[in-house]
Each structure stands twice: as structure tokens, then as C-alpha cells.
């Protein structure tokens, strides 16, 4: 699926390639396991857009919601990846290494988002021809 701006002269996604990435969050004493899914658009080695790609944080059949609040706070960081160089993100261990602070109270989700983005970007580096 390709997103399109209303005004094609400002379409930041024009010429960008989309990559999908996932990261599995493991069970802790307060988090139930779930998988973070993101979609990252890259153009000229720079991230131009990132979205949540259908992450389901809690079992819809479970009355208790363990993860939704944490993830909802952490996804605010997605837009902060815009303008970051693919190489810098791939070379980083944590989001703070590229100037993006963890969200207080949602560190596990913040770190999971960073790993999902890195997993998406690993596909972009495989797609580039090696010289």
C-alpha cells in the first residue's frame, strides 16, 4: 500500500521504498508477550516515514489489558525517526544512541519499537547492491 500526499509536490514518500519489521516482546512480570510491527519508508539512505503496522498489544478475548497503555505512549517516538540516517539507526543499540529518548514508563515498548525499526532497515541494507 502506498500513501500519497494531497499535493504531489510535497509527497515525502515519492521515490521511497517501504520495509516492514517486527520485534517480539517477551513476557515480564507486568507485560504479556506481543509482537511490535512497523513499516519504514527509506529514501537515499534516510528514513522519511514510520508507522505502526498493525501491532496487536493485547488479546482481544482477555478482559485485562497489559500492554496497550505502554505501547500507546511509546508510539509517539515513531515520528522522531524521520530524518535519521539508516546507517546510524542500524549501528545503534538503543534509540537514545540516535537522539531519541525512551518514553518514561514505556521503556520495553520503546526499545521494542527501536528493534522493529532496525529489523525493517536490515532489509533495506540487503536490498542495496554491494560495490
N, C-alpha and C. Protein backbone atom coordinates (compact mmCIF):
# COMPACT_ATOMS: atom_id res chain seq x y z
N UNK A 1 0.84 -1.17 0.00
CA UNK A 1 0.00 0.00 0.00
C UNK A 1 0.88 1.24 0.00
N UNK A 2 0.57 2.16 -0.82
CA UNK A 2 1.37 3.37 -0.95
C UNK A 2 0.56 4.56 -0.47
N UNK A 3 1.10 5.32 0.47
CA UNK A 3 0.44 6.53 0.94
C UNK A 3 0.76 7.65 -0.03
N UNK A 4 -0.15 8.55 -0.21
CA UNK A 4 0.05 9.64 -1.15
C UNK A 4 -0.39 10.95 -0.53
N UNK A 5 0.41 11.98 -0.70
CA UNK A 5 0.06 13.31 -0.20
C UNK A 5 -0.99 13.93 -1.09
N UNK A 6 -1.77 14.84 -0.53
CA UNK A 6 -2.78 15.53 -1.33
C UNK A 6 -2.13 16.40 -2.39
N UNK A 7 -0.99 16.96 -2.09
CA UNK A 7 -0.24 17.81 -3.02
C UNK A 7 1.02 17.04 -3.41
N UNK A 8 1.10 16.58 -4.65
CA UNK A 8 2.21 15.72 -5.07
C UNK A 8 3.57 16.41 -4.96
N UNK A 9 3.60 17.74 -4.94
CA UNK A 9 4.89 18.44 -4.84
C UNK A 9 5.49 18.30 -3.44
N UNK A 10 4.69 17.89 -2.46
CA UNK A 10 5.20 17.72 -1.10
C UNK A 10 5.16 16.27 -0.65
N UNK A 11 5.00 15.34 -1.57
CA UNK A 11 4.89 13.93 -1.23
C UNK A 11 6.25 13.39 -0.81
N UNK A 12 6.46 13.29 0.51
CA UNK A 12 7.74 12.83 1.04
C UNK A 12 8.01 11.37 0.73
N UNK A 13 6.97 10.62 0.39
CA UNK A 13 7.14 9.20 0.12
C UNK A 13 7.44 8.90 -1.34
N UNK A 14 7.36 9.91 -2.19
CA UNK A 14 7.63 9.69 -3.60
C UNK A 14 9.08 9.25 -3.78
N UNK A 15 9.25 8.10 -4.40
CA UNK A 15 10.59 7.56 -4.62
C UNK A 15 11.15 6.80 -3.43
N UNK A 16 10.40 6.73 -2.33
CA UNK A 16 10.86 6.00 -1.15
C UNK A 16 10.45 4.53 -1.26
N UNK A 17 11.20 3.67 -0.58
CA UNK A 17 10.90 2.25 -0.54
C UNK A 17 10.47 1.89 0.87
N UNK A 18 9.40 1.10 0.98
CA UNK A 18 8.87 0.69 2.29
C UNK A 18 9.41 -0.68 2.69
N UNK A 19 9.74 -0.79 3.97
CA UNK A 19 10.21 -2.04 4.55
C UNK A 19 9.43 -2.31 5.82
N UNK A 20 9.11 -3.58 6.07
CA UNK A 20 8.39 -3.95 7.27
C UNK A 20 9.32 -4.66 8.23
N UNK A 21 9.11 -4.38 9.52
CA UNK A 21 9.92 -5.02 10.54
C UNK A 21 9.08 -5.39 11.75
N UNK A 22 9.54 -6.39 12.47
CA UNK A 22 8.85 -6.86 13.67
C UNK A 22 9.85 -7.10 14.77
N UNK A 23 9.34 -7.08 16.01
CA UNK A 23 10.16 -7.45 17.16
C UNK A 23 9.23 -8.04 18.22
N UNK A 24 9.61 -9.21 18.74
CA UNK A 24 8.80 -9.90 19.75
C UNK A 24 9.16 -9.41 21.15
N UNK A 25 8.17 -8.90 21.85
CA UNK A 25 8.33 -8.50 23.25
C UNK A 25 8.09 -9.75 24.10
N UNK A 26 9.02 -10.02 25.00
CA UNK A 26 8.91 -11.20 25.84
C UNK A 26 8.10 -10.90 27.11
N UNK A 27 7.57 -11.92 27.70
CA UNK A 27 6.79 -11.80 28.93
C UNK A 27 7.69 -11.34 30.08
N UNK A 28 7.19 -10.40 30.85
CA UNK A 28 7.84 -9.98 32.09
C UNK A 28 6.80 -10.09 33.20
N UNK A 29 7.13 -9.61 34.37
CA UNK A 29 6.16 -9.69 35.47
C UNK A 29 4.96 -8.78 35.26
N UNK A 30 5.05 -7.81 34.34
CA UNK A 30 3.91 -6.91 34.10
C UNK A 30 3.53 -6.78 32.63
N UNK A 31 4.24 -7.44 31.73
CA UNK A 31 3.94 -7.37 30.30
C UNK A 31 3.68 -8.77 29.77
N UNK A 32 2.62 -8.91 29.00
CA UNK A 32 2.35 -10.16 28.30
C UNK A 32 3.05 -10.09 26.95
N UNK A 33 3.50 -11.22 26.40
CA UNK A 33 4.22 -11.19 25.12
C UNK A 33 3.34 -10.67 23.98
N UNK A 34 3.95 -9.91 23.08
CA UNK A 34 3.29 -9.45 21.86
C UNK A 34 4.36 -9.07 20.85
N UNK A 35 3.95 -8.84 19.61
CA UNK A 35 4.90 -8.52 18.55
C UNK A 35 4.63 -7.12 18.03
N UNK A 36 5.66 -6.29 18.06
CA UNK A 36 5.58 -4.94 17.52
C UNK A 36 5.83 -5.02 16.02
N UNK A 37 4.97 -4.36 15.23
CA UNK A 37 5.09 -4.36 13.77
C UNK A 37 5.15 -2.92 13.28
N UNK A 38 6.15 -2.63 12.46
CA UNK A 38 6.31 -1.28 11.91
C UNK A 38 6.51 -1.33 10.41
N UNK A 39 6.28 -0.21 9.78
CA UNK A 39 6.59 -0.04 8.36
C UNK A 39 7.42 1.23 8.26
N UNK A 40 8.56 1.13 7.57
CA UNK A 40 9.53 2.22 7.49
C UNK A 40 9.79 2.54 6.02
N UNK A 41 9.66 3.82 5.66
CA UNK A 41 9.98 4.26 4.29
C UNK A 41 11.35 4.90 4.30
N UNK A 42 12.17 4.51 3.31
CA UNK A 42 13.55 4.98 3.20
C UNK A 42 13.77 5.56 1.81
N UNK A 43 14.47 6.69 1.79
CA UNK A 43 14.85 7.31 0.51
C UNK A 43 16.25 7.87 0.67
N UNK A 44 17.14 7.51 -0.24
CA UNK A 44 18.52 7.99 -0.24
C UNK A 44 19.22 7.77 1.10
N UNK A 45 18.96 6.61 1.72
CA UNK A 45 19.64 6.26 2.97
C UNK A 45 19.11 6.96 4.20
N UNK A 46 17.95 7.61 4.08
CA UNK A 46 17.36 8.36 5.19
C UNK A 46 15.93 7.89 5.40
N UNK A 47 15.52 7.78 6.66
CA UNK A 47 14.14 7.42 6.99
C UNK A 47 13.25 8.63 6.72
N UNK A 48 12.21 8.43 5.92
CA UNK A 48 11.30 9.54 5.60
C UNK A 48 9.94 9.39 6.27
N UNK A 49 9.60 8.17 6.73
CA UNK A 49 8.30 7.98 7.38
C UNK A 49 8.30 6.64 8.11
N UNK A 50 7.62 6.57 9.26
CA UNK A 50 7.47 5.32 10.02
C UNK A 50 6.05 5.26 10.56
N UNK A 51 5.42 4.07 10.46
CA UNK A 51 4.10 3.89 11.03
C UNK A 51 4.02 2.57 11.80
N UNK A 52 3.07 2.49 12.72
CA UNK A 52 2.68 1.25 13.34
C UNK A 52 2.00 0.43 12.25
N UNK A 53 2.38 -0.82 12.11
CA UNK A 53 1.87 -1.65 11.00
C UNK A 53 0.98 -2.78 11.52
N UNK A 54 0.03 -2.44 12.38
CA UNK A 54 -0.92 -3.44 12.84
C UNK A 54 -0.53 -4.18 14.09
N UNK A 55 0.22 -3.55 14.96
CA UNK A 55 0.59 -4.18 16.23
C UNK A 55 -0.66 -4.44 17.06
N UNK A 56 -0.80 -5.66 17.54
CA UNK A 56 -1.88 -6.01 18.47
C UNK A 56 -1.21 -6.28 19.81
N UNK A 57 -1.47 -5.39 20.76
CA UNK A 57 -0.75 -5.45 22.03
C UNK A 57 -1.37 -6.38 23.06
N UNK A 58 -2.67 -6.59 22.96
CA UNK A 58 -3.35 -7.41 23.95
C UNK A 58 -4.32 -8.36 23.27
N UNK A 59 -4.54 -9.50 23.89
CA UNK A 59 -5.50 -10.48 23.39
C UNK A 59 -6.90 -9.86 23.48
N UNK A 60 -7.60 -9.75 22.35
CA UNK A 60 -8.93 -9.14 22.38
C UNK A 60 -9.94 -9.94 23.21
N UNK A 61 -9.64 -11.20 23.50
CA UNK A 61 -10.52 -12.04 24.31
C UNK A 61 -10.23 -11.96 25.80
N UNK A 62 -9.19 -11.23 26.15
CA UNK A 62 -8.80 -11.09 27.55
C UNK A 62 -9.35 -9.77 28.09
N UNK A 63 -10.01 -9.83 29.22
CA UNK A 63 -10.58 -8.61 29.82
C UNK A 63 -9.50 -7.66 30.32
N UNK A 64 -8.39 -8.19 30.76
CA UNK A 64 -7.31 -7.36 31.29
C UNK A 64 -6.37 -6.94 30.17
N UNK A 65 -6.06 -5.66 30.12
CA UNK A 65 -5.15 -5.13 29.10
C UNK A 65 -3.80 -4.84 29.75
N UNK A 66 -2.80 -5.59 29.35
CA UNK A 66 -1.48 -5.48 29.97
C UNK A 66 -0.55 -4.50 29.26
N UNK A 67 -0.65 -4.43 27.93
CA UNK A 67 0.39 -3.76 27.15
C UNK A 67 -0.05 -2.48 26.44
N UNK A 68 -1.31 -2.33 26.17
CA UNK A 68 -1.81 -1.24 25.33
C UNK A 68 -1.37 0.14 25.78
N UNK A 69 -1.43 0.41 27.05
CA UNK A 69 -1.06 1.73 27.56
C UNK A 69 0.41 2.04 27.35
N UNK A 70 1.27 1.06 27.57
CA UNK A 70 2.71 1.25 27.36
C UNK A 70 2.99 1.53 25.89
N UNK A 71 2.42 0.69 25.02
CA UNK A 71 2.68 0.83 23.59
C UNK A 71 2.13 2.15 23.06
N UNK A 72 0.95 2.53 23.51
CA UNK A 72 0.35 3.79 23.06
C UNK A 72 1.26 4.98 23.38
N UNK A 73 1.90 4.94 24.53
CA UNK A 73 2.81 6.03 24.89
C UNK A 73 4.10 5.97 24.06
N UNK A 74 4.57 4.76 23.80
CA UNK A 74 5.84 4.60 23.09
C UNK A 74 5.74 4.93 21.61
N UNK A 75 4.57 4.75 20.99
CA UNK A 75 4.49 5.00 19.54
C UNK A 75 4.65 6.49 19.20
N UNK A 76 4.61 7.34 20.21
CA UNK A 76 4.90 8.76 19.97
C UNK A 76 6.30 8.93 19.39
N UNK A 77 7.18 7.97 19.66
CA UNK A 77 8.55 8.06 19.18
C UNK A 77 8.70 7.75 17.69
N UNK A 78 7.71 7.14 17.06
CA UNK A 78 7.84 6.77 15.65
C UNK A 78 8.23 7.96 14.78
N UNK A 79 7.58 9.08 14.97
CA UNK A 79 7.85 10.25 14.13
C UNK A 79 9.25 10.82 14.35
N UNK A 80 9.86 10.50 15.47
CA UNK A 80 11.20 11.02 15.77
C UNK A 80 12.30 10.34 14.95
N UNK A 81 11.95 9.24 14.28
CA UNK A 81 12.92 8.56 13.42
C UNK A 81 13.04 9.24 12.06
N UNK A 82 12.07 10.07 11.72
CA UNK A 82 12.10 10.77 10.43
C UNK A 82 13.36 11.63 10.36
N UNK A 83 14.09 11.49 9.25
CA UNK A 83 15.32 12.25 9.05
C UNK A 83 16.57 11.55 9.55
N UNK A 84 16.41 10.44 10.27
CA UNK A 84 17.58 9.70 10.76
C UNK A 84 18.18 8.88 9.63
N UNK A 85 19.49 8.80 9.61
CA UNK A 85 20.19 8.00 8.59
C UNK A 85 20.05 6.52 8.93
N UNK A 86 19.78 5.72 7.89
CA UNK A 86 19.64 4.28 8.06
C UNK A 86 20.87 3.71 8.76
N UNK A 87 22.04 4.08 8.31
CA UNK A 87 23.29 3.55 8.89
C UNK A 87 23.38 3.85 10.37
N UNK A 88 23.02 5.07 10.78
CA UNK A 88 23.10 5.45 12.19
C UNK A 88 22.16 4.61 13.05
N UNK A 89 20.95 4.37 12.55
CA UNK A 89 19.99 3.57 13.30
C UNK A 89 20.46 2.12 13.38
N UNK A 90 20.94 1.57 12.27
CA UNK A 90 21.43 0.19 12.27
C UNK A 90 22.63 0.01 13.19
N UNK A 91 23.47 1.02 13.29
CA UNK A 91 24.66 0.94 14.14
C UNK A 91 24.36 1.18 15.61
N UNK A 92 23.15 1.60 15.94
CA UNK A 92 22.81 1.94 17.33
C UNK A 92 22.30 0.73 18.09
N UNK A 93 22.49 0.79 19.40
CA UNK A 93 21.96 -0.26 20.27
C UNK A 93 20.59 0.14 20.81
N UNK A 94 20.46 1.38 21.20
CA UNK A 94 19.21 1.90 21.77
C UNK A 94 18.79 3.16 21.02
N UNK A 95 17.53 3.53 21.16
CA UNK A 95 17.04 4.73 20.49
C UNK A 95 17.78 5.98 20.95
N UNK A 96 18.22 6.00 22.21
CA UNK A 96 18.94 7.19 22.70
C UNK A 96 20.26 7.40 21.96
N UNK A 97 20.80 6.34 21.35
CA UNK A 97 22.05 6.46 20.59
C UNK A 97 21.87 7.29 19.33
N UNK A 98 20.62 7.46 18.88
CA UNK A 98 20.35 8.31 17.72
C UNK A 98 19.54 9.55 18.13
N UNK A 99 19.60 9.88 19.41
CA UNK A 99 18.98 11.11 19.90
C UNK A 99 17.50 11.01 20.21
N UNK A 100 16.99 9.79 20.41
CA UNK A 100 15.57 9.61 20.74
C UNK A 100 15.49 8.99 22.13
N UNK A 101 14.97 9.75 23.08
CA UNK A 101 14.87 9.26 24.45
C UNK A 101 13.78 8.20 24.59
N UNK A 102 14.01 7.26 25.52
CA UNK A 102 12.98 6.28 25.85
C UNK A 102 11.82 7.01 26.51
N UNK A 103 10.62 6.49 26.32
CA UNK A 103 9.44 7.07 26.95
C UNK A 103 9.36 6.54 28.38
N UNK A 104 9.34 7.45 29.34
CA UNK A 104 9.27 7.07 30.74
C UNK A 104 8.05 6.20 31.00
N UNK A 105 8.26 5.07 31.63
CA UNK A 105 7.17 4.15 31.92
C UNK A 105 6.82 3.23 30.77
N UNK A 106 7.52 3.36 29.65
CA UNK A 106 7.27 2.50 28.49
C UNK A 106 8.58 2.11 27.83
N UNK A 107 9.57 1.85 28.65
CA UNK A 107 10.91 1.56 28.14
C UNK A 107 10.94 0.28 27.30
N UNK A 108 10.27 -0.77 27.74
CA UNK A 108 10.27 -2.03 27.00
C UNK A 108 9.67 -1.83 25.61
N UNK A 109 8.54 -1.12 25.54
CA UNK A 109 7.91 -0.86 24.24
C UNK A 109 8.78 0.06 23.39
N UNK A 110 9.41 1.06 23.99
CA UNK A 110 10.30 1.96 23.26
C UNK A 110 11.46 1.17 22.65
N UNK A 111 12.08 0.31 23.44
CA UNK A 111 13.19 -0.50 22.94
C UNK A 111 12.72 -1.47 21.86
N UNK A 112 11.52 -2.03 22.03
CA UNK A 112 10.97 -2.94 21.03
C UNK A 112 10.69 -2.26 19.71
N UNK A 113 10.20 -1.03 19.77
CA UNK A 113 9.97 -0.25 18.54
C UNK A 113 11.29 -0.02 17.83
N UNK A 114 12.33 0.33 18.59
CA UNK A 114 13.64 0.57 18.00
C UNK A 114 14.14 -0.69 17.30
N UNK A 115 13.98 -1.83 17.94
CA UNK A 115 14.43 -3.09 17.33
C UNK A 115 13.61 -3.45 16.10
N UNK A 116 12.30 -3.20 16.14
CA UNK A 116 11.46 -3.47 14.96
C UNK A 116 11.88 -2.59 13.79
N UNK A 117 12.20 -1.33 14.07
CA UNK A 117 12.66 -0.42 13.01
C UNK A 117 14.01 -0.90 12.47
N UNK A 118 14.91 -1.32 13.36
CA UNK A 118 16.19 -1.85 12.89
C UNK A 118 15.99 -3.09 12.03
N UNK A 119 15.06 -3.95 12.41
CA UNK A 119 14.80 -5.16 11.62
C UNK A 119 14.27 -4.80 10.23
N UNK A 120 13.45 -3.77 10.15
CA UNK A 120 12.98 -3.31 8.84
C UNK A 120 14.14 -2.76 8.02
N UNK A 121 14.99 -1.98 8.66
CA UNK A 121 16.12 -1.36 7.96
C UNK A 121 17.16 -2.37 7.51
N UNK A 122 17.26 -3.50 8.20
CA UNK A 122 18.19 -4.55 7.77
C UNK A 122 17.81 -5.04 6.37
N UNK A 123 16.52 -5.04 6.07
CA UNK A 123 16.07 -5.43 4.73
C UNK A 123 16.53 -4.40 3.70
N UNK A 124 16.53 -3.13 4.08
CA UNK A 124 16.95 -2.09 3.13
C UNK A 124 18.43 -2.22 2.82
N UNK A 125 19.22 -2.59 3.81
CA UNK A 125 20.65 -2.72 3.56
C UNK A 125 20.95 -3.94 2.71
N UNK A 126 20.11 -4.99 2.79
CA UNK A 126 20.26 -6.16 1.94
C UNK A 126 19.87 -5.87 0.50
N UNK A 127 18.94 -4.93 0.34
CA UNK A 127 18.44 -4.60 -1.00
C UNK A 127 19.42 -3.75 -1.80
N UNK A 128 20.33 -3.05 -1.09
CA UNK A 128 21.29 -2.20 -1.80
C UNK A 128 22.38 -3.04 -2.44
N UNK A 129 22.73 -2.76 -3.66
CA UNK A 129 23.81 -3.52 -4.30
C UNK A 129 25.14 -3.21 -3.64
N UNK A 130 25.94 -4.22 -3.51
CA UNK A 130 27.26 -4.07 -2.90
C UNK A 130 28.28 -3.74 -4.01
N UNK A 131 29.13 -2.78 -3.74
CA UNK A 131 30.15 -2.39 -4.73
C UNK A 131 31.49 -2.95 -4.35
